[in-house]
Amino acid sequence: MKDIDDANVVHCETATRVLLPKVKDHHLLRAGDLLFRSRGRSNGAAQVTEGIGIAVLSAPMLLIRPHSVVPDYLCWFINAPATQAQLGAHSEGTSVRMISAEALKALEVPVPAADVQQRVVQIAALAEQEQSLTAQIATRRYQLNTRILMKFAQEAAR
């Protein structure tokens, strides 16, 4: 769980390495698999990308292996605020929030045609990029205003 950041990106370079005697192929992570954080403050999904190498999932993570749905789309859907709220309504626990595998399995996912799923993913990525750029613009505008006001204050004090 510590190897997935707040943006739901898997960081394999920081993962704990262990030597396992024999691991069955169906336990190995594959590109396109989704890793769901079932416990903690954030219950998002992260997608496994190419080049992960030999890796297995540790508890309390849940493995979602998409079938007949584009993995990027399913990841977007699970991480969407409305879906997160729906999952949150089924959370258990008082001190540590937990989403059960049953609650995740009960989630109804609308599955449009694959090309529509791809378009949704592309538009969602563009919207996320817009949010990031807007935040950068706001930060730079604040910095510029602060510099201008500082210069004005210093000149007025002379």
N, C-alpha and C. Protein backbone atom coordinates (compact mmCIF):
# COMPACT_ATOMS: atom_id res chain seq x y z
N MET A 1 0.82 -1.19 0.00
CA MET A 1 0.00 0.00 0.00
C MET A 1 0.87 1.26 0.00
N LYS A 2 2.02 1.18 0.62
CA LYS A 2 2.90 2.35 0.67
C LYS A 2 3.52 2.65 -0.69
N ASP A 3 3.45 1.72 -1.61
CA ASP A 3 4.05 1.90 -2.93
C ASP A 3 3.08 2.49 -3.95
N ILE A 4 1.90 2.90 -3.47
CA ILE A 4 0.92 3.57 -4.32
C ILE A 4 0.72 4.97 -3.76
N ASP A 5 0.96 5.98 -4.59
CA ASP A 5 0.87 7.36 -4.09
C ASP A 5 -0.57 7.88 -4.14
N ASP A 6 -0.74 9.13 -3.72
CA ASP A 6 -2.08 9.72 -3.66
C ASP A 6 -2.71 9.89 -5.04
N ALA A 7 -1.89 9.89 -6.08
CA ALA A 7 -2.41 9.99 -7.45
C ALA A 7 -2.69 8.60 -8.03
N ASN A 8 -2.63 7.57 -7.19
CA ASN A 8 -2.90 6.18 -7.60
C ASN A 8 -1.91 5.68 -8.65
N VAL A 9 -0.65 5.98 -8.43
CA VAL A 9 0.43 5.50 -9.30
C VAL A 9 1.27 4.51 -8.50
N VAL A 10 1.54 3.36 -9.10
CA VAL A 10 2.35 2.33 -8.44
C VAL A 10 3.83 2.67 -8.63
N HIS A 11 4.58 2.62 -7.53
CA HIS A 11 6.03 2.88 -7.57
C HIS A 11 6.75 1.59 -7.21
N CYS A 12 7.08 0.80 -8.23
CA CYS A 12 7.71 -0.50 -8.02
C CYS A 12 9.12 -0.38 -7.48
N GLU A 13 9.78 0.76 -7.76
CA GLU A 13 11.17 0.92 -7.33
C GLU A 13 11.30 0.94 -5.81
N THR A 14 10.24 1.23 -5.10
CA THR A 14 10.30 1.27 -3.63
C THR A 14 9.68 0.02 -2.99
N ALA A 15 9.20 -0.89 -3.80
CA ALA A 15 8.53 -2.08 -3.27
C ALA A 15 9.50 -2.97 -2.50
N THR A 16 8.98 -3.65 -1.51
CA THR A 16 9.78 -4.58 -0.72
C THR A 16 10.07 -5.81 -1.57
N ARG A 17 11.30 -6.23 -1.56
CA ARG A 17 11.73 -7.40 -2.34
C ARG A 17 11.90 -8.60 -1.41
N VAL A 18 11.35 -9.73 -1.81
CA VAL A 18 11.49 -10.97 -1.04
C VAL A 18 11.76 -12.11 -2.01
N LEU A 19 12.30 -13.17 -1.49
CA LEU A 19 12.54 -14.36 -2.30
C LEU A 19 11.45 -15.37 -1.97
N LEU A 20 10.63 -15.69 -2.94
CA LEU A 20 9.56 -16.66 -2.74
C LEU A 20 9.93 -17.95 -3.44
N PRO A 21 9.75 -19.09 -2.78
CA PRO A 21 10.16 -20.36 -3.38
C PRO A 21 9.44 -20.67 -4.69
N LYS A 22 8.14 -20.80 -4.65
CA LYS A 22 7.37 -21.10 -5.86
C LYS A 22 6.11 -20.27 -5.84
N VAL A 23 5.90 -19.55 -6.92
CA VAL A 23 4.70 -18.73 -7.04
C VAL A 23 3.96 -19.18 -8.28
N LYS A 24 2.67 -19.43 -8.14
CA LYS A 24 1.87 -19.83 -9.29
C LYS A 24 1.63 -18.61 -10.17
N ASP A 25 1.56 -18.84 -11.47
CA ASP A 25 1.41 -17.77 -12.45
C ASP A 25 0.20 -16.88 -12.17
N HIS A 26 -0.90 -17.46 -11.71
CA HIS A 26 -2.10 -16.65 -11.51
C HIS A 26 -1.97 -15.68 -10.33
N HIS A 27 -0.92 -15.84 -9.50
CA HIS A 27 -0.67 -14.91 -8.40
C HIS A 27 0.20 -13.73 -8.84
N LEU A 28 0.88 -13.88 -9.97
CA LEU A 28 1.77 -12.82 -10.44
C LEU A 28 0.97 -11.67 -11.04
N LEU A 29 1.42 -10.46 -10.75
CA LEU A 29 0.76 -9.28 -11.30
C LEU A 29 1.10 -9.15 -12.78
N ARG A 30 0.12 -8.65 -13.53
CA ARG A 30 0.29 -8.45 -14.98
C ARG A 30 -0.08 -7.02 -15.33
N ALA A 31 0.47 -6.55 -16.41
CA ALA A 31 0.09 -5.22 -16.90
C ALA A 31 -1.42 -5.22 -17.13
N GLY A 32 -2.08 -4.17 -16.67
CA GLY A 32 -3.53 -4.06 -16.80
C GLY A 32 -4.28 -4.46 -15.54
N ASP A 33 -3.62 -5.18 -14.63
CA ASP A 33 -4.26 -5.51 -13.35
C ASP A 33 -4.47 -4.21 -12.57
N LEU A 34 -5.49 -4.21 -11.74
CA LEU A 34 -5.73 -3.08 -10.86
C LEU A 34 -5.49 -3.52 -9.42
N LEU A 35 -4.84 -2.64 -8.66
CA LEU A 35 -4.58 -2.90 -7.25
C LEU A 35 -5.47 -1.97 -6.45
N PHE A 36 -6.32 -2.53 -5.62
CA PHE A 36 -7.29 -1.75 -4.87
C PHE A 36 -6.89 -1.71 -3.40
N ARG A 37 -6.78 -0.51 -2.86
CA ARG A 37 -6.46 -0.33 -1.43
C ARG A 37 -7.75 -0.49 -0.64
N SER A 38 -7.90 -1.63 0.00
CA SER A 38 -9.16 -1.91 0.71
C SER A 38 -9.21 -1.28 2.09
N ARG A 39 -8.06 -0.83 2.60
CA ARG A 39 -8.02 -0.24 3.94
C ARG A 39 -7.30 1.09 3.90
N GLY A 40 -7.66 1.93 4.86
CA GLY A 40 -6.96 3.20 5.00
C GLY A 40 -7.83 4.38 4.61
N ARG A 41 -7.21 5.56 4.59
CA ARG A 41 -7.94 6.80 4.32
C ARG A 41 -8.30 6.93 2.85
N SER A 42 -7.56 6.27 1.99
CA SER A 42 -7.82 6.33 0.56
C SER A 42 -8.07 4.93 0.03
N ASN A 43 -9.18 4.75 -0.67
CA ASN A 43 -9.53 3.42 -1.18
C ASN A 43 -9.59 3.43 -2.69
N GLY A 44 -8.54 3.92 -3.31
CA GLY A 44 -8.50 3.99 -4.76
C GLY A 44 -7.88 2.77 -5.38
N ALA A 45 -7.89 2.77 -6.70
CA ALA A 45 -7.28 1.70 -7.48
C ALA A 45 -6.11 2.27 -8.26
N ALA A 46 -5.09 1.45 -8.43
CA ALA A 46 -3.92 1.82 -9.23
C ALA A 46 -3.72 0.74 -10.27
N GLN A 47 -3.30 1.15 -11.45
CA GLN A 47 -3.13 0.18 -12.53
C GLN A 47 -1.67 -0.25 -12.63
N VAL A 48 -1.48 -1.55 -12.80
CA VAL A 48 -0.15 -2.11 -13.02
C VAL A 48 0.24 -1.83 -14.47
N THR A 49 1.42 -1.28 -14.66
CA THR A 49 1.89 -0.96 -16.00
C THR A 49 2.91 -2.00 -16.47
N GLU A 50 3.31 -1.88 -17.70
CA GLU A 50 4.33 -2.78 -18.26
C GLU A 50 5.63 -2.63 -17.47
N GLY A 51 6.40 -3.68 -17.43
CA GLY A 51 7.71 -3.61 -16.82
C GLY A 51 7.72 -3.74 -15.31
N ILE A 52 6.66 -4.25 -14.73
CA ILE A 52 6.63 -4.41 -13.28
C ILE A 52 7.54 -5.54 -12.84
N GLY A 53 7.83 -6.45 -13.73
CA GLY A 53 8.67 -7.59 -13.36
C GLY A 53 7.86 -8.63 -12.62
N ILE A 54 8.56 -9.48 -11.89
CA ILE A 54 7.89 -10.52 -11.12
C ILE A 54 7.43 -9.90 -9.81
N ALA A 55 6.12 -9.84 -9.61
CA ALA A 55 5.56 -9.21 -8.42
C ALA A 55 4.27 -9.88 -8.02
N VAL A 56 4.04 -9.93 -6.72
CA VAL A 56 2.78 -10.43 -6.17
C VAL A 56 2.19 -9.35 -5.28
N LEU A 57 0.92 -9.46 -5.04
CA LEU A 57 0.20 -8.48 -4.24
C LEU A 57 0.17 -8.93 -2.79
N SER A 58 0.33 -7.97 -1.89
CA SER A 58 0.27 -8.31 -0.47
C SER A 58 -1.07 -7.85 0.10
N ALA A 59 -1.47 -8.50 1.17
CA ALA A 59 -2.70 -8.10 1.86
C ALA A 59 -2.42 -6.77 2.54
N PRO A 60 -3.37 -5.92 2.70
CA PRO A 60 -4.80 -6.01 2.47
C PRO A 60 -5.23 -5.48 1.10
N MET A 61 -4.34 -5.48 0.15
CA MET A 61 -4.69 -5.04 -1.20
C MET A 61 -5.58 -6.10 -1.86
N LEU A 62 -6.45 -5.63 -2.76
CA LEU A 62 -7.30 -6.55 -3.52
C LEU A 62 -6.89 -6.45 -4.99
N LEU A 63 -6.81 -7.58 -5.63
CA LEU A 63 -6.46 -7.64 -7.05
C LEU A 63 -7.73 -7.64 -7.87
N ILE A 64 -7.76 -6.75 -8.86
CA ILE A 64 -8.86 -6.72 -9.83
C ILE A 64 -8.23 -6.99 -11.18
N ARG A 65 -8.66 -8.06 -11.80
CA ARG A 65 -8.13 -8.43 -13.11
C ARG A 65 -9.27 -8.21 -14.12
N PRO A 66 -9.26 -7.06 -14.80
CA PRO A 66 -10.38 -6.71 -15.70
C PRO A 66 -10.54 -7.69 -16.86
N HIS A 67 -11.80 -8.03 -17.11
CA HIS A 67 -12.17 -8.86 -18.27
C HIS A 67 -13.29 -8.11 -18.99
N SER A 68 -13.21 -8.01 -20.25
CA SER A 68 -14.21 -7.35 -21.11
C SER A 68 -14.46 -5.89 -20.73
N VAL A 69 -13.45 -5.26 -20.15
CA VAL A 69 -13.50 -3.83 -19.86
C VAL A 69 -12.07 -3.30 -19.96
N VAL A 70 -11.92 -2.10 -20.49
CA VAL A 70 -10.61 -1.48 -20.63
C VAL A 70 -10.08 -1.17 -19.22
N PRO A 71 -8.89 -1.67 -18.86
CA PRO A 71 -8.37 -1.45 -17.51
C PRO A 71 -8.31 0.03 -17.10
N ASP A 72 -7.89 0.91 -18.01
CA ASP A 72 -7.83 2.35 -17.71
C ASP A 72 -9.22 2.89 -17.35
N TYR A 73 -10.22 2.41 -18.06
CA TYR A 73 -11.60 2.86 -17.81
C TYR A 73 -12.07 2.40 -16.44
N LEU A 74 -11.83 1.12 -16.12
CA LEU A 74 -12.26 0.59 -14.84
C LEU A 74 -11.53 1.31 -13.69
N CYS A 75 -10.27 1.60 -13.88
CA CYS A 75 -9.49 2.33 -12.87
C CYS A 75 -10.08 3.74 -12.69
N TRP A 76 -10.38 4.41 -13.80
CA TRP A 76 -11.00 5.74 -13.72
C TRP A 76 -12.33 5.66 -12.98
N PHE A 77 -13.15 4.67 -13.33
CA PHE A 77 -14.48 4.54 -12.73
C PHE A 77 -14.38 4.32 -11.22
N ILE A 78 -13.49 3.43 -10.80
CA ILE A 78 -13.34 3.15 -9.36
C ILE A 78 -12.87 4.39 -8.61
N ASN A 79 -11.98 5.17 -9.23
CA ASN A 79 -11.42 6.35 -8.57
C ASN A 79 -12.29 7.60 -8.69
N ALA A 80 -13.36 7.53 -9.48
CA ALA A 80 -14.25 8.68 -9.64
C ALA A 80 -14.91 9.01 -8.30
N PRO A 81 -15.08 10.31 -8.01
CA PRO A 81 -15.66 10.71 -6.72
C PRO A 81 -17.00 10.04 -6.40
N ALA A 82 -17.87 9.90 -7.39
CA ALA A 82 -19.18 9.27 -7.13
C ALA A 82 -19.02 7.81 -6.71
N THR A 83 -18.11 7.10 -7.36
CA THR A 83 -17.87 5.69 -7.02
C THR A 83 -17.22 5.59 -5.65
N GLN A 84 -16.28 6.49 -5.36
CA GLN A 84 -15.63 6.50 -4.05
C GLN A 84 -16.65 6.74 -2.94
N ALA A 85 -17.61 7.64 -3.19
CA ALA A 85 -18.66 7.90 -2.21
C ALA A 85 -19.53 6.66 -2.02
N GLN A 86 -19.84 5.99 -3.12
CA GLN A 86 -20.65 4.78 -3.05
C GLN A 86 -19.91 3.70 -2.25
N LEU A 87 -18.63 3.52 -2.52
CA LEU A 87 -17.84 2.54 -1.78
C LEU A 87 -17.73 2.94 -0.30
N GLY A 88 -17.57 4.24 -0.06
CA GLY A 88 -17.46 4.74 1.30
C GLY A 88 -18.71 4.44 2.12
N ALA A 89 -19.85 4.44 1.45
CA ALA A 89 -21.10 4.14 2.15
C ALA A 89 -21.13 2.68 2.62
N HIS A 90 -20.32 1.84 2.00
CA HIS A 90 -20.28 0.42 2.37
C HIS A 90 -19.04 0.09 3.19
N SER A 91 -18.32 1.13 3.62
CA SER A 91 -17.09 0.87 4.37
C SER A 91 -17.42 0.37 5.78
N GLU A 92 -16.48 -0.35 6.33
CA GLU A 92 -16.62 -0.91 7.66
C GLU A 92 -15.47 -0.41 8.51
N GLY A 93 -15.61 -0.51 9.81
CA GLY A 93 -14.54 -0.14 10.72
C GLY A 93 -14.70 1.27 11.25
N THR A 94 -14.18 1.48 12.44
CA THR A 94 -14.29 2.80 13.07
C THR A 94 -12.97 3.56 12.98
N SER A 95 -11.87 2.94 13.37
CA SER A 95 -10.60 3.66 13.34
C SER A 95 -9.91 3.53 11.99
N VAL A 96 -10.04 2.42 11.33
CA VAL A 96 -9.46 2.22 10.00
C VAL A 96 -10.59 1.83 9.05
N ARG A 97 -10.81 2.66 8.06
CA ARG A 97 -11.87 2.41 7.08
C ARG A 97 -11.48 1.22 6.22
N MET A 98 -12.44 0.31 5.98
CA MET A 98 -12.17 -0.87 5.17
C MET A 98 -13.32 -1.10 4.20
N ILE A 99 -12.96 -1.41 2.96
CA ILE A 99 -13.93 -1.78 1.93
C ILE A 99 -13.75 -3.28 1.70
N SER A 100 -14.80 -4.03 1.89
CA SER A 100 -14.70 -5.48 1.73
C SER A 100 -14.68 -5.86 0.25
N ALA A 101 -14.17 -7.05 -0.01
CA ALA A 101 -14.16 -7.57 -1.38
C ALA A 101 -15.59 -7.72 -1.88
N GLU A 102 -16.51 -8.05 -0.99
CA GLU A 102 -17.91 -8.21 -1.38
C GLU A 102 -18.51 -6.88 -1.84
N ALA A 103 -18.17 -5.79 -1.12
CA ALA A 103 -18.67 -4.47 -1.51
C ALA A 103 -18.11 -4.07 -2.87
N LEU A 104 -16.87 -4.41 -3.10
CA LEU A 104 -16.24 -4.11 -4.39
C LEU A 104 -16.88 -4.94 -5.51
N LYS A 105 -17.15 -6.20 -5.24
CA LYS A 105 -17.78 -7.07 -6.23
C LYS A 105 -19.20 -6.62 -6.55
N ALA A 106 -19.89 -6.04 -5.57
CA ALA A 106 -21.28 -5.59 -5.76
C ALA A 106 -21.38 -4.29 -6.55
N LEU A 107 -20.26 -3.65 -6.77
CA LEU A 107 -20.25 -2.39 -7.50
C LEU A 107 -20.72 -2.59 -8.94
N GLU A 108 -21.73 -1.82 -9.33
CA GLU A 108 -22.24 -1.91 -10.70
C GLU A 108 -21.47 -0.94 -11.58
N VAL A 109 -20.80 -1.49 -12.58
CA VAL A 109 -19.96 -0.69 -13.47
C VAL A 109 -20.62 -0.62 -14.84
N PRO A 110 -20.96 0.59 -15.30
CA PRO A 110 -21.49 0.71 -16.66
C PRO A 110 -20.37 0.43 -17.65
N VAL A 111 -20.60 -0.46 -18.60
CA VAL A 111 -19.56 -0.84 -19.55
C VAL A 111 -20.01 -0.51 -20.97
N PRO A 112 -19.68 0.70 -21.45
CA PRO A 112 -19.99 1.02 -22.84
C PRO A 112 -19.01 0.32 -23.78
N ALA A 113 -19.16 0.54 -25.06
CA ALA A 113 -18.27 -0.05 -26.06
C ALA A 113 -16.83 0.37 -25.77
N ALA A 114 -15.87 -0.45 -26.19
CA ALA A 114 -14.45 -0.19 -25.90
C ALA A 114 -13.99 1.17 -26.40
N ASP A 115 -14.46 1.61 -27.58
CA ASP A 115 -14.03 2.91 -28.08
C ASP A 115 -14.56 4.05 -27.21
N VAL A 116 -15.75 3.88 -26.66
CA VAL A 116 -16.31 4.89 -25.75
C VAL A 116 -15.52 4.89 -24.44
N GLN A 117 -15.16 3.70 -23.96
CA GLN A 117 -14.34 3.61 -22.75
C GLN A 117 -13.02 4.36 -22.95
N GLN A 118 -12.39 4.17 -24.11
CA GLN A 118 -11.12 4.86 -24.41
C GLN A 118 -11.32 6.37 -24.44
N ARG A 119 -12.41 6.83 -25.02
CA ARG A 119 -12.67 8.27 -25.07
C ARG A 119 -12.88 8.84 -23.67
N VAL A 120 -13.60 8.11 -22.83
CA VAL A 120 -13.81 8.56 -21.45
C VAL A 120 -12.45 8.70 -20.75
N VAL A 121 -11.58 7.72 -20.92
CA VAL A 121 -10.26 7.75 -20.30
C VAL A 121 -9.45 8.95 -20.82
N GLN A 122 -9.50 9.18 -22.13
CA GLN A 122 -8.76 10.30 -22.72
C GLN A 122 -9.28 11.64 -22.20
N ILE A 123 -10.59 11.79 -22.14
CA ILE A 123 -11.18 13.05 -21.67
C ILE A 123 -10.86 13.24 -20.18
N ALA A 124 -10.92 12.17 -19.40
CA ALA A 124 -10.59 12.26 -17.97
C ALA A 124 -9.13 12.68 -17.78
N ALA A 125 -8.24 12.15 -18.61
CA ALA A 125 -6.82 12.52 -18.52
C ALA A 125 -6.63 14.00 -18.87
N LEU A 126 -7.35 14.46 -19.89
CA LEU A 126 -7.27 15.88 -20.26
C LEU A 126 -7.83 16.77 -19.15
N ALA A 127 -8.91 16.35 -18.52
CA ALA A 127 -9.49 17.13 -17.43
C ALA A 127 -8.53 17.20 -16.24
N GLU A 128 -7.85 16.09 -15.97
CA GLU A 128 -6.86 16.07 -14.89
C GLU A 128 -5.68 16.99 -15.22
N GLN A 129 -5.25 16.96 -16.47
CA GLN A 129 -4.17 17.84 -16.92
C GLN A 129 -4.60 19.30 -16.79
N GLU A 130 -5.85 19.60 -17.15
CA GLU A 130 -6.36 20.97 -17.02
C GLU A 130 -6.33 21.41 -15.56
N GLN A 131 -6.76 20.53 -14.65
CA GLN A 131 -6.75 20.85 -13.22
C GLN A 131 -5.34 21.18 -12.75
N SER A 132 -4.39 20.38 -13.19
CA SER A 132 -2.99 20.59 -12.81
C SER A 132 -2.46 21.92 -13.34
N LEU A 133 -2.76 22.21 -14.60
CA LEU A 133 -2.30 23.47 -15.20
C LEU A 133 -2.96 24.67 -14.53
N THR A 134 -4.24 24.55 -14.22
CA THR A 134 -4.94 25.64 -13.53
C THR A 134 -4.32 25.90 -12.17
N ALA A 135 -3.96 24.84 -11.46
CA ALA A 135 -3.31 25.00 -10.15
C ALA A 135 -1.94 25.66 -10.30
N GLN A 136 -1.21 25.28 -11.34
CA GLN A 136 0.11 25.90 -11.58
C GLN A 136 -0.03 27.37 -11.92
N ILE A 137 -1.03 27.71 -12.72
CA ILE A 137 -1.28 29.11 -13.07
C ILE A 137 -1.61 29.91 -11.81
N ALA A 138 -2.47 29.38 -10.96
CA ALA A 138 -2.84 30.07 -9.72
C ALA A 138 -1.62 30.29 -8.83
N THR A 139 -0.77 29.30 -8.72
CA THR A 139 0.45 29.43 -7.91
C THR A 139 1.36 30.51 -8.48
N ARG A 140 1.56 30.46 -9.78
CA ARG A 140 2.45 31.46 -10.41
C ARG A 140 1.86 32.87 -10.32
N ARG A 141 0.54 32.98 -10.46
CA ARG A 141 -0.11 34.29 -10.34
C ARG A 141 0.09 34.84 -8.93
N TYR A 142 -0.06 33.99 -7.93
CA TYR A 142 0.14 34.40 -6.54
C TYR A 142 1.59 34.87 -6.33
N GLN A 143 2.54 34.09 -6.86
CA GLN A 143 3.95 34.46 -6.72
C GLN A 143 4.24 35.80 -7.39
N LEU A 144 3.69 36.00 -8.58
CA LEU A 144 3.89 37.26 -9.30
C LEU A 144 3.29 38.42 -8.52
N ASN A 145 2.06 38.27 -8.05
CA ASN A 145 1.42 39.33 -7.26
C ASN A 145 2.22 39.64 -6.00
N THR A 146 2.74 38.62 -5.35
CA THR A 146 3.54 38.83 -4.15
C THR A 146 4.80 39.63 -4.47
N ARG A 147 5.48 39.27 -5.56
CA ARG A 147 6.69 40.01 -5.97
C ARG A 147 6.38 41.47 -6.28
N ILE A 148 5.29 41.68 -7.01
CA ILE A 148 4.90 43.05 -7.39
C ILE A 148 4.59 43.86 -6.13
N LEU A 149 3.82 43.26 -5.22
CA LEU A 149 3.48 43.97 -3.98
C LEU A 149 4.70 44.22 -3.11
N MET A 150 5.62 43.28 -3.05
CA MET A 150 6.84 43.45 -2.28
C MET A 150 7.67 44.60 -2.86
N LYS A 151 7.79 44.61 -4.18
CA LYS A 151 8.54 45.69 -4.84
C LYS A 151 7.86 47.03 -4.58
N PHE A 152 6.55 47.07 -4.68
CA PHE A 152 5.79 48.29 -4.42
C PHE A 152 5.99 48.77 -2.98
N ALA A 153 5.92 47.83 -2.02
CA ALA A 153 6.11 48.18 -0.60
C ALA A 153 7.51 48.73 -0.35
N GLN A 154 8.50 48.09 -0.95
CA GLN A 154 9.88 48.55 -0.76
C GLN A 154 10.10 49.94 -1.37
N GLU A 155 9.55 50.17 -2.54
CA GLU A 155 9.71 51.48 -3.19
C GLU A 155 8.94 52.57 -2.44
N ALA A 156 7.79 52.23 -1.90
CA ALA A 156 6.98 53.19 -1.16
C ALA A 156 7.63 53.56 0.17
N ALA A 157 8.44 52.65 0.71
CA ALA A 157 9.10 52.89 1.98
C ALA A 157 10.30 53.81 1.84
N ARG A 158 10.77 54.05 0.64
CA ARG A 158 11.95 54.90 0.41
C ARG A 158 11.62 56.35 0.48
